[in-house]
C-alpha atoms as a PDB file:
ATOM      1  CA  MET A   1      -2.506   3.460   7.962  1.00  0.00           C
ATOM      2  CA  ILE A   2      -2.940  -0.293   8.418  1.00  0.00           C
ATOM      3  CA  ILE A   3      -0.105  -1.878   6.471  1.00  0.00           C
ATOM      4  CA  GLY A   4      -0.868  -5.532   7.120  1.00  0.00           C
ATOM      5  CA  ASN A   5      -2.363  -8.236   9.282  1.00  0.00           C
ATOM      6  CA  GLU A   6       0.668 -10.500   9.312  1.00  0.00           C
ATOM      7  CA  ILE A   7       2.019 -11.738  12.632  1.00  0.00           C
ATOM      8  CA  LEU A   8       4.795  -9.344  13.614  1.00  0.00           C
ATOM      9  CA  ASP A   9       6.361  -8.912  17.041  1.00  0.00           C
ATOM     10  CA  LEU A  10       7.683  -5.356  16.858  1.00  0.00           C
ATOM     11  CA  GLN A  11       9.754  -5.542  20.044  1.00  0.00           C
ATOM     12  CA  LEU A  12      11.392  -8.773  18.967  1.00  0.00           C
ATOM     13  CA  THR A  13      12.031  -7.815  15.355  1.00  0.00           C
ATOM     14  CA  LEU A  14      13.022  -4.168  15.745  1.00  0.00           C
ATOM     15  CA  ILE A  15      14.795  -4.185  19.121  1.00  0.00           C
ATOM     16  CA  ASP A  16      15.572  -7.563  20.689  1.00  0.00           C
ATOM     17  CA  SER A  17      16.754  -9.639  17.733  1.00  0.00           C
ATOM     18  CA  ALA A  18      20.071  -7.757  17.310  1.00  0.00           C
ATOM     19  CA  GLN A  19      19.675  -7.324  13.563  1.00  0.00           C
ATOM     20  CA  CYS A  20      18.942  -3.570  13.616  1.00  0.00           C
ATOM     21  CA  PHE A  21      20.138  -0.803  15.937  1.00  0.00           C
ATOM     22  CA  ARG A  22      18.116   2.191  14.799  1.00  0.00           C
ATOM     23  CA  TRP A  23      14.625   1.916  16.277  1.00  0.00           C
ATOM     24  CA  THR A  24      13.308   3.894  19.248  1.00  0.00           C
ATOM     25  CA  LYS A  25      10.474   2.718  21.471  1.00  0.00           C
ATOM     26  CA  ARG A  26       8.070   5.310  22.864  1.00  0.00           C
ATOM     27  CA  GLY A  27       5.129   3.876  24.752  1.00  0.00           C
ATOM     28  CA  GLU A  28       3.578   1.262  22.487  1.00  0.00           C
ATOM     29  CA  LYS A  29       5.047   2.796  19.318  1.00  0.00           C
ATOM     30  CA  TYR A  30       8.359   2.214  17.563  1.00  0.00           C
ATOM     31  CA  GLY A  31       9.950   4.998  15.536  1.00  0.00           C
ATOM     32  CA  CYS A  32      12.718   5.256  12.963  1.00  0.00           C
ATOM     33  CA  VAL A  33      13.733   7.391   9.989  1.00  0.00           C
ATOM     34  CA  ILE A  34      13.327   5.413   6.775  1.00  0.00           C
ATOM     35  CA  GLY A  35      14.071   7.019   3.437  1.00  0.00           C
ATOM     36  CA  GLY A  36      14.191  10.451   5.084  1.00  0.00           C
ATOM     37  CA  ASN A  37      10.712  10.041   6.573  1.00  0.00           C
ATOM     38  CA  CYS A  38       9.735   9.525  10.197  1.00  0.00           C
ATOM     39  CA  VAL A  39       7.841   6.256  10.573  1.00  0.00           C
ATOM     40  CA  TRP A  40       6.029   5.052  13.683  1.00  0.00           C
ATOM     41  CA  LEU A  41       4.787   1.485  13.957  1.00  0.00           C
ATOM     42  CA  SER A  42       2.347  -0.029  16.436  1.00  0.00           C
ATOM     43  CA  GLN A  43       0.302  -3.179  16.773  1.00  0.00           C
ATOM     44  CA  THR A  44      -3.441  -2.488  16.972  1.00  0.00           C
ATOM     45  CA  PRO A  45      -6.543  -4.718  17.018  1.00  0.00           C
ATOM     46  CA  ALA A  46      -7.063  -3.792  13.364  1.00  0.00           C
ATOM     47  CA  GLY A  47      -3.551  -4.857  12.371  1.00  0.00           C
ATOM     48  CA  LEU A  48      -0.080  -3.377  12.015  1.00  0.00           C
ATOM     49  CA  GLU A  49      -0.393   0.407  11.906  1.00  0.00           C
ATOM     50  CA  ALA A  50       2.142   2.844  10.462  1.00  0.00           C
ATOM     51  CA  GLU A  51       2.090   6.604  10.968  1.00  0.00           C
ATOM     52  CA  GLY A  52       4.062   9.172   8.987  1.00  0.00           C
ATOM     53  CA  GLU A  53       4.883   9.566   5.321  1.00  0.00           C
ATOM     54  CA  ILE A  54       4.397   5.941   4.370  1.00  0.00           C
ATOM     55  CA  ASP A  55       5.525   4.232   1.176  1.00  0.00           C
ATOM     56  CA  LEU A  56       3.487   1.053   1.628  1.00  0.00           C
ATOM     57  CA  PRO A  57       5.503  -1.299  -0.626  1.00  0.00           C
ATOM     58  CA  ALA A  58       8.772   0.035   0.838  1.00  0.00           C
ATOM     59  CA  ILE A  59       7.773  -0.456   4.478  1.00  0.00           C
ATOM     60  CA  ARG A  60       6.384  -3.930   3.781  1.00  0.00           C
ATOM     61  CA  HIS A  61       9.658  -4.835   2.075  1.00  0.00           C
ATOM     62  CA  TYR A  62      11.656  -3.341   4.962  1.00  0.00           C
ATOM     63  CA  LEU A  63       9.767  -5.578   7.417  1.00  0.00           C
ATOM     64  CA  ASP A  64       9.789  -8.601   5.066  1.00  0.00           C
ATOM     65  CA  LEU A  65       6.017  -8.878   5.416  1.00  0.00           C
ATOM     66  CA  ASP A  66       5.474 -10.498   2.038  1.00  0.00           C
ATOM     67  CA  ARG A  67       7.458 -13.629   2.914  1.00  0.00           C
ATOM     68  CA  ASP A  68       5.478 -16.617   4.208  1.00  0.00           C
ATOM     69  CA  TYR A  69       7.545 -17.776   7.172  1.00  0.00           C
ATOM     70  CA  SER A  70       5.276 -20.787   7.709  1.00  0.00           C
ATOM     71  CA  LYS A  71       6.597 -22.107   4.392  1.00  0.00           C
ATOM     72  CA  VAL A  72      10.157 -21.531   5.591  1.00  0.00           C
ATOM     73  CA  ALA A  73       9.333 -23.586   8.704  1.00  0.00           C
ATOM     74  CA  LEU A  74       7.929 -26.369   6.520  1.00  0.00           C
ATOM     75  CA  GLU A  75      11.107 -26.301   4.450  1.00  0.00           C
ATOM     76  CA  TYR A  76      12.966 -27.330   7.603  1.00  0.00           C
ATOM     77  CA  SER A  77      10.388 -29.805   8.927  1.00  0.00           C
ATOM     78  CA  HIS A  78      12.996 -32.573   8.604  1.00  0.00           C
ATOM     79  CA  ILE A  79      15.292 -30.724  11.055  1.00  0.00           C
ATOM     80  CA  PRO A  80      13.452 -30.598  14.410  1.00  0.00           C
ATOM     81  CA  VAL A  81      15.601 -27.915  16.075  1.00  0.00           C
ATOM     82  CA  ALA A  82      15.336 -25.669  13.004  1.00  0.00           C
ATOM     83  CA  ARG A  83      11.565 -25.869  12.780  1.00  0.00           C
ATOM     84  CA  GLN A  84      11.322 -25.482  16.566  1.00  0.00           C
ATOM     85  CA  ALA A  85      13.347 -22.243  16.484  1.00  0.00           C
ATOM     86  CA  ILE A  86      11.144 -20.710  13.777  1.00  0.00           C
ATOM     87  CA  GLU A  87       7.938 -21.743  15.501  1.00  0.00           C
ATOM     88  CA  MET A  88       9.150 -20.394  18.874  1.00  0.00           C
ATOM     89  CA  PHE A  89       9.378 -16.869  17.448  1.00  0.00           C
ATOM     90  CA  PRO A  90       6.438 -16.569  15.026  1.00  0.00           C
ATOM     91  CA  GLY A  91       6.526 -12.779  15.147  1.00  0.00           C
ATOM     92  CA  MET A  92      10.156 -12.324  14.125  1.00  0.00           C
ATOM     93  CA  ARG A  93      11.059 -11.179  10.624  1.00  0.00           C
ATOM     94  CA  VAL A  94      14.463 -10.827   8.994  1.00  0.00           C
ATOM     95  CA  MET A  95      14.504  -7.184   7.953  1.00  0.00           C
ATOM     96  CA  ASN A  96      15.622  -5.576   4.695  1.00  0.00           C
ATOM     97  CA  GLN A  97      17.444  -2.497   5.964  1.00  0.00           C
ATOM     98  CA  PRO A  98      19.065   0.233   3.851  1.00  0.00           C
ATOM     99  CA  THR A  99      22.388  -1.215   2.732  1.00  0.00           C
ATOM    100  CA  TRP A 100      24.403   1.827   3.796  1.00  0.00           C
ATOM    101  CA  GLU A 101      22.962   1.806   7.314  1.00  0.00           C
ATOM    102  CA  ALA A 102      23.546  -1.930   7.644  1.00  0.00           C
ATOM    103  CA  LEU A 103      27.141  -1.506   6.469  1.00  0.00           C
ATOM    104  CA  VAL A 104      27.977   1.213   8.984  1.00  0.00           C
ATOM    105  CA  THR A 105      26.174  -0.309  11.962  1.00  0.00           C
ATOM    106  CA  PHE A 106      27.722  -3.726  11.429  1.00  0.00           C
ATOM    107  CA  ILE A 107      31.185  -2.173  11.161  1.00  0.00           C
ATOM    108  CA  LEU A 108      30.341  -0.686  14.566  1.00  0.00           C
ATOM    109  CA  SER A 109      29.226  -4.116  15.797  1.00  0.00           C
ATOM    110  CA  ALA A 110      32.719  -5.623  15.739  1.00  0.00           C
ATOM    111  CA  ASN A 111      33.738  -6.565  19.303  1.00  0.00           C
ATOM    112  CA  ASN A 112      30.691  -4.777  20.744  1.00  0.00           C
ATOM    113  CA  ASN A 113      27.473  -5.730  22.508  1.00  0.00           C
ATOM    114  CA  VAL A 114      24.039  -4.625  21.302  1.00  0.00           C
ATOM    115  CA  LYS A 115      23.669  -1.776  23.805  1.00  0.00           C
ATOM    116  CA  ARG A 116      27.057  -0.360  22.837  1.00  0.00           C
ATOM    117  CA  ILE A 117      26.300  -0.623  19.112  1.00  0.00           C
ATOM    118  CA  ARG A 118      23.089   1.372  19.611  1.00  0.00           C
ATOM    119  CA  THR A 119      24.959   3.988  21.631  1.00  0.00           C
ATOM    120  CA  LEU A 120      27.609   4.404  18.931  1.00  0.00           C
ATOM    121  CA  ALA A 121      25.039   4.536  16.120  1.00  0.00           C
ATOM    122  CA  ASP A 122      23.101   7.236  17.982  1.00  0.00           C
ATOM    123  CA  ALA A 123      26.288   9.220  18.673  1.00  0.00           C
ATOM    124  CA  LEU A 124      27.183   9.088  14.991  1.00  0.00           C
ATOM    125  CA  CYS A 125      23.744  10.368  13.997  1.00  0.00           C
ATOM    126  CA  MET A 126      23.698  13.134  16.618  1.00  0.00           C
ATOM    127  CA  HIS A 127      27.048  14.446  15.399  1.00  0.00           C
ATOM    128  CA  PHE A 128      25.347  15.824  12.285  1.00  0.00           C
ATOM    129  CA  PRO A 129      22.560  18.420  11.952  1.00  0.00           C
ATOM    130  CA  GLN A 130      19.148  16.790  11.969  1.00  0.00           C
ATOM    131  CA  PRO A 131      16.331  17.755   9.563  1.00  0.00           C
ATOM    132  CA  GLU A 132      13.610  19.755  11.299  1.00  0.00           C
ATOM    133  CA  ASN A 133      10.915  17.147  10.688  1.00  0.00           C
ATOM    134  CA  VAL A 134      13.120  14.465  12.241  1.00  0.00           C
ATOM    135  CA  ALA A 135      14.292  16.503  15.227  1.00  0.00           C
ATOM    136  CA  ALA A 136      10.706  17.531  15.988  1.00  0.00           C
ATOM    137  CA  GLN A 137       9.788  13.882  16.532  1.00  0.00           C
ATOM    138  CA  GLY A 138      12.838  13.024  18.594  1.00  0.00           C
ATOM    139  CA  LEU A 139      14.261  10.639  16.014  1.00  0.00           C
ATOM    140  CA  LEU A 140      17.659  10.519  14.326  1.00  0.00           C
ATOM    141  CA  ALA A 141      18.421  10.587  10.610  1.00  0.00           C
ATOM    142  CA  PHE A 142      21.414   8.525   9.535  1.00  0.00           C
ATOM    143  CA  PRO A 143      24.428  10.351   8.064  1.00  0.00           C
ATOM    144  CA  THR A 144      25.012   9.956   4.344  1.00  0.00           C
ATOM    145  CA  PRO A 145      28.283   8.589   2.932  1.00  0.00           C
ATOM    146  CA  GLU A 146      29.217  12.150   1.961  1.00  0.00           C
ATOM    147  CA  MET A 147      28.743  13.372   5.534  1.00  0.00           C
ATOM    148  CA  LEU A 148      30.836  10.589   6.986  1.00  0.00           C
ATOM    149  CA  ALA A 149      33.539  10.894   4.331  1.00  0.00           C
ATOM    150  CA  GLY A 150      34.012  14.535   5.345  1.00  0.00           C
ATOM    151  CA  CYS A 151      34.842  13.677   8.953  1.00  0.00           C
ATOM    152  CA  SER A 152      38.302  13.545  10.434  1.00  0.00           C
ATOM    153  CA  GLU A 153      39.518  10.548  12.376  1.00  0.00           C
ATOM    154  CA  GLU A 154      39.865  12.798  15.419  1.00  0.00           C
ATOM    155  CA  GLU A 155      36.170  13.748  15.178  1.00  0.00           C
ATOM    156  CA  LEU A 156      35.022  10.153  15.142  1.00  0.00           C
ATOM    157  CA  ARG A 157      37.402   9.081  17.880  1.00  0.00           C
ATOM    158  CA  GLY A 158      35.863  11.885  19.923  1.00  0.00           C
ATOM    159  CA  LEU A 159      32.529  10.100  19.455  1.00  0.00           C
ATOM    160  CA  LYS A 160      34.075   6.929  20.951  1.00  0.00           C
ATOM    161  CA  MET A 161      34.283   5.106  17.624  1.00  0.00           C
ATOM    162  CA  GLY A 162      37.804   4.002  18.562  1.00  0.00           C
ATOM    163  CA  TYR A 163      39.765   1.946  16.047  1.00  0.00           C
ATOM    164  CA  ARG A 164      36.675   1.867  13.806  1.00  0.00           C
ATOM    165  CA  ALA A 165      37.009   5.603  13.058  1.00  0.00           C
ATOM    166  CA  PRO A 166      39.364   5.293  10.056  1.00  0.00           C
ATOM    167  CA  PHE A 167      37.397   2.301   8.758  1.00  0.00           C
ATOM    168  CA  LEU A 168      34.174   4.312   8.728  1.00  0.00           C
ATOM    169  CA  ILE A 169      35.774   7.273   6.961  1.00  0.00           C
ATOM    170  CA  GLU A 170      37.578   5.221   4.322  1.00  0.00           C
ATOM    171  CA  THR A 171      34.542   3.046   3.652  1.00  0.00           C
ATOM    172  CA  ALA A 172      32.395   6.165   3.225  1.00  0.00           C
ATOM    173  CA  ARG A 173      34.960   7.569   0.789  1.00  0.00           C
ATOM    174  CA  ARG A 174      34.959   4.336  -1.198  1.00  0.00           C
ATOM    175  CA  VAL A 175      31.175   4.551  -1.498  1.00  0.00           C
ATOM    176  CA  CYS A 176      31.400   8.195  -2.576  1.00  0.00           C
ATOM    177  CA  GLU A 177      33.986   7.209  -5.175  1.00  0.00           C
ATOM    178  CA  GLY A 178      31.631   4.696  -6.757  1.00  0.00           C
ATOM    179  CA  PHE A 179      31.629   1.459  -4.775  1.00  0.00           C
ATOM    180  CA  ASP A 180      28.381  -0.132  -5.957  1.00  0.00           C
ATOM    181  CA  LEU A 181      26.367  -0.611  -2.763  1.00  0.00           C
ATOM    182  CA  ALA A 182      23.087  -0.679  -4.669  1.00  0.00           C
ATOM    183  CA  GLY A 183      24.335  -3.448  -6.925  1.00  0.00           C
ATOM    184  CA  LEU A 184      25.152  -5.877  -4.109  1.00  0.00           C
ATOM    185  CA  ALA A 185      21.568  -7.132  -3.872  1.00  0.00           C
ATOM    186  CA  SER A 186      21.521  -8.301  -7.491  1.00  0.00           C
ATOM    187  CA  MET A 187      25.013  -9.840  -7.502  1.00  0.00           C
ATOM    188  CA  PRO A 188      25.534 -13.545  -6.852  1.00  0.00           C
ATOM    189  CA  TYR A 189      26.236 -14.039  -3.154  1.00  0.00           C
ATOM    190  CA  ALA A 190      29.909 -14.979  -3.551  1.00  0.00           C
ATOM    191  CA  GLU A 191      30.616 -11.980  -5.796  1.00  0.00           C
ATOM    192  CA  ALA A 192      28.875  -9.580  -3.405  1.00  0.00           C
ATOM    193  CA  HIS A 193      30.802 -11.009  -0.461  1.00  0.00           C
ATOM    194  CA  ARG A 194      34.130 -10.638  -2.268  1.00  0.00           C
ATOM    195  CA  ALA A 195      33.308  -7.016  -3.044  1.00  0.00           C
ATOM    196  CA  LEU A 196      32.309  -6.142   0.518  1.00  0.00           C
ATOM    197  CA  VAL A 197      35.403  -7.543   2.204  1.00  0.00           C
ATOM    198  CA  THR A 198      37.545  -5.120   0.193  1.00  0.00           C
ATOM    199  CA  LEU A 199      36.089  -2.299   2.307  1.00  0.00           C
ATOM    200  CA  PRO A 200      37.990  -1.210   5.431  1.00  0.00           C
ATOM    201  CA  GLY A 201      36.555  -2.739   8.593  1.00  0.00           C
ATOM    202  CA  VAL A 202      34.546  -5.375   6.742  1.00  0.00           C
ATOM    203  CA  GLY A 203      35.507  -8.963   7.477  1.00  0.00           C
ATOM    204  CA  ASP A 204      33.640 -12.143   6.651  1.00  0.00           C
ATOM    205  CA  LYS A 205      31.041 -11.885   9.420  1.00  0.00           C
ATOM    206  CA  VAL A 206      30.292  -8.181   8.866  1.00  0.00           C
ATOM    207  CA  ALA A 207      29.964  -8.811   5.125  1.00  0.00           C
ATOM    208  CA  ASP A 208      27.493 -11.632   5.737  1.00  0.00           C
ATOM    209  CA  CYS A 209      25.460  -9.460   8.128  1.00  0.00           C
ATOM    210  CA  VAL A 210      25.273  -6.688   5.526  1.00  0.00           C
ATOM    211  CA  LEU A 211      24.268  -9.136   2.806  1.00  0.00           C
ATOM    212  CA  LEU A 212      21.596 -10.802   4.935  1.00  0.00           C
ATOM    213  CA  PHE A 213      20.088  -7.764   6.672  1.00  0.00           C
ATOM    214  CA  GLY A 214      20.804  -5.080   4.082  1.00  0.00           C
ATOM    215  CA  CYS A 215      20.781  -6.809   0.692  1.00  0.00           C
ATOM    216  CA  GLY A 216      18.277  -9.643   0.918  1.00  0.00           C
ATOM    217  CA  HIS A 217      20.808 -12.433   0.395  1.00  0.00           C
ATOM    218  CA  THR A 218      18.993 -15.125   2.364  1.00  0.00           C
ATOM    219  CA  SER A 219      21.854 -17.589   1.913  1.00  0.00           C
ATOM    220  CA  ALA A 220      24.324 -15.274   3.690  1.00  0.00           C
ATOM    221  CA  PHE A 221      25.207 -16.987   6.964  1.00  0.00           C
ATOM    222  CA  PRO A 222      26.908 -14.790   9.595  1.00  0.00           C
ATOM    223  CA  VAL A 223      28.984 -16.902  11.970  1.00  0.00           C
ATOM    224  CA  ASP A 224      29.810 -15.641  15.454  1.00  0.00           C
ATOM    225  CA  VAL A 225      30.515 -17.462  18.722  1.00  0.00           C
ATOM    226  CA  TRP A 226      26.832 -18.345  19.193  1.00  0.00           C
ATOM    227  CA  VAL A 227      26.400 -19.684  15.676  1.00  0.00           C
ATOM    228  CA  ASP A 228      29.653 -21.630  15.880  1.00  0.00           C
ATOM    229  CA  ARG A 229      28.453 -23.268  19.109  1.00  0.00           C
ATOM    230  CA  LEU A 230      24.953 -24.055  17.852  1.00  0.00           C
ATOM    231  CA  LEU A 231      26.255 -25.591  14.627  1.00  0.00           C
ATOM    232  CA  LYS A 232      28.443 -27.914  16.680  1.00  0.00           C
ATOM    233  CA  SER A 233      25.841 -28.663  19.370  1.00  0.00           C
ATOM    234  CA  TRP A 234      22.660 -28.987  17.301  1.00  0.00           C
ATOM    235  CA  PHE A 235      23.991 -30.104  13.928  1.00  0.00           C
ATOM    236  CA  GLY A 236      27.250 -31.865  14.750  1.00  0.00           C
ATOM    237  CA  VAL A 237      29.207 -29.564  12.449  1.00  0.00           C
ATOM    238  CA  GLU A 238      32.915 -29.815  13.231  1.00  0.00           C
ATOM    239  CA  ALA A 239      34.199 -27.868  10.236  1.00  0.00           C
ATOM    240  CA  LYS A 240      37.523 -26.079  10.479  1.00  0.00           C
ATOM    241  CA  GLY A 241      37.580 -22.519   9.192  1.00  0.00           C
ATOM    242  CA  ARG A 242      34.857 -20.268   7.856  1.00  0.00           C
ATOM    243  CA  ALA A 243      34.839 -21.594   4.298  1.00  0.00           C
ATOM    244  CA  GLN A 244      34.312 -25.201   5.339  1.00  0.00           C
ATOM    245  CA  MET A 245      31.737 -24.242   7.976  1.00  0.00           C
ATOM    246  CA  LEU A 246      29.713 -22.174   5.500  1.00  0.00           C
ATOM    247  CA  LYS A 247      29.824 -24.905   2.881  1.00  0.00           C
ATOM    248  CA  THR A 248      28.600 -27.444   5.426  1.00  0.00           C
ATOM    249  CA  ALA A 249      25.878 -25.098   6.735  1.00  0.00           C
ATOM    250  CA  ARG A 250      24.605 -24.268   3.248  1.00  0.00           C
ATOM    251  CA  ASN A 251      24.597 -27.900   2.163  1.00  0.00           C
ATOM    252  CA  LEU A 252      22.609 -28.718   5.280  1.00  0.00           C
ATOM    253  CA  LEU A 253      20.293 -25.696   5.396  1.00  0.00           C
ATOM    254  CA  GLY A 254      19.869 -24.627   1.769  1.00  0.00           C
ATOM    255  CA  ASP A 255      19.014 -21.288   0.175  1.00  0.00           C
ATOM    256  CA  HIS A 256      17.294 -19.894   3.273  1.00  0.00           C
ATOM    257  CA  ALA A 257      20.208 -20.675   5.587  1.00  0.00           C
ATOM    258  CA  GLY A 258      20.521 -17.010   6.526  1.00  0.00           C
ATOM    259  CA  LEU A 259      16.876 -16.689   7.522  1.00  0.00           C
ATOM    260  CA  LEU A 260      17.156 -19.789   9.668  1.00  0.00           C
ATOM    261  CA  GLN A 261      20.412 -18.528  11.167  1.00  0.00           C
ATOM    262  CA  GLN A 262      18.596 -15.542  12.679  1.00  0.00           C
ATOM    263  CA  PHE A 263      16.065 -17.778  14.439  1.00  0.00           C
ATOM    264  CA  LEU A 264      18.727 -20.222  15.615  1.00  0.00           C
ATOM    265  CA  PHE A 265      20.965 -17.365  16.786  1.00  0.00           C
ATOM    266  CA  HIS A 266      18.148 -15.803  18.805  1.00  0.00           C
ATOM    267  CA  ALA A 267      17.153 -19.150  20.316  1.00  0.00           C
ATOM    268  CA  ALA A 268      20.741 -19.833  21.367  1.00  0.00           C
ATOM    269  CA  ARG A 269      21.519 -16.312  22.592  1.00  0.00           C
ATOM    270  CA  THR A 270      18.389 -16.118  24.751  1.00  0.00           C
ATOM    271  CA  GLY A 271      18.649 -19.687  26.030  1.00  0.00           C
ATOM    272  CA  ALA A 272      15.261 -20.573  24.526  1.00  0.00           C
ATOM    273  CA  ILE A 273      16.869 -23.774  23.256  1.00  0.00           C
ATOM    274  CA  SER A 274      19.737 -25.188  25.291  1.00  0.00           C
ATOM    275  CA  LEU A 275      23.133 -25.582  23.666  1.00  0.00           C
ATOM    276  CA  ASP A 276      23.955 -28.522  25.951  1.00  0.00           C
END
């Protein structure tokens, strides 16, 4: 099924941009389990093709295909480095992942590199029985909160989750007990952030990653070493502490600060734009 003709770089968006850790590349196709269904994406002359049990609106939302990124670039036309970063990566989209998957994988991301995060996410998935339709295609379904809540710390430490093991279990239990993951997307940003940081293993940066990549909060602005450096180098931001830095970044970059952050982060991390 052709799901769109928008510009989309699958390798960049799904694998290289460090916003998602769940996709598998096989030849020219990219596979993942979304909503319990195996989905394979590929770029063809006719457009972006999806194979599997496809919910068209859901997959377009997942890939953020209905957003006009050229308008986002125009929004930042007065900031040369911002517009440059967006225009350098015209095929990158900021994805709308399942909130639960984003929460778990970004808890795993703390003090880890991208390769290690993928390895841990795969190990977590493989620990649980896989549905036949998923196993047959060599993909991995993500464990539910109930599955993870039933694990022992020893089990997860055996999967190399380390100090994150109790965080994962307790967070899963909180979700099972009624923590409103689904409601985060409709909450005001500040309220959603306050709620998330009450979960074990969720600090400010992890919360912002979950809100940006798993809840559609485009003003969420994850700050790591790269973002801290680029804000100082490219924007002259010398704020002290997260709160002041975020206030300065949002005042400067507006409601789409989180979208822009992903492009700036990738440009800095890959050296596409020098930090000097």
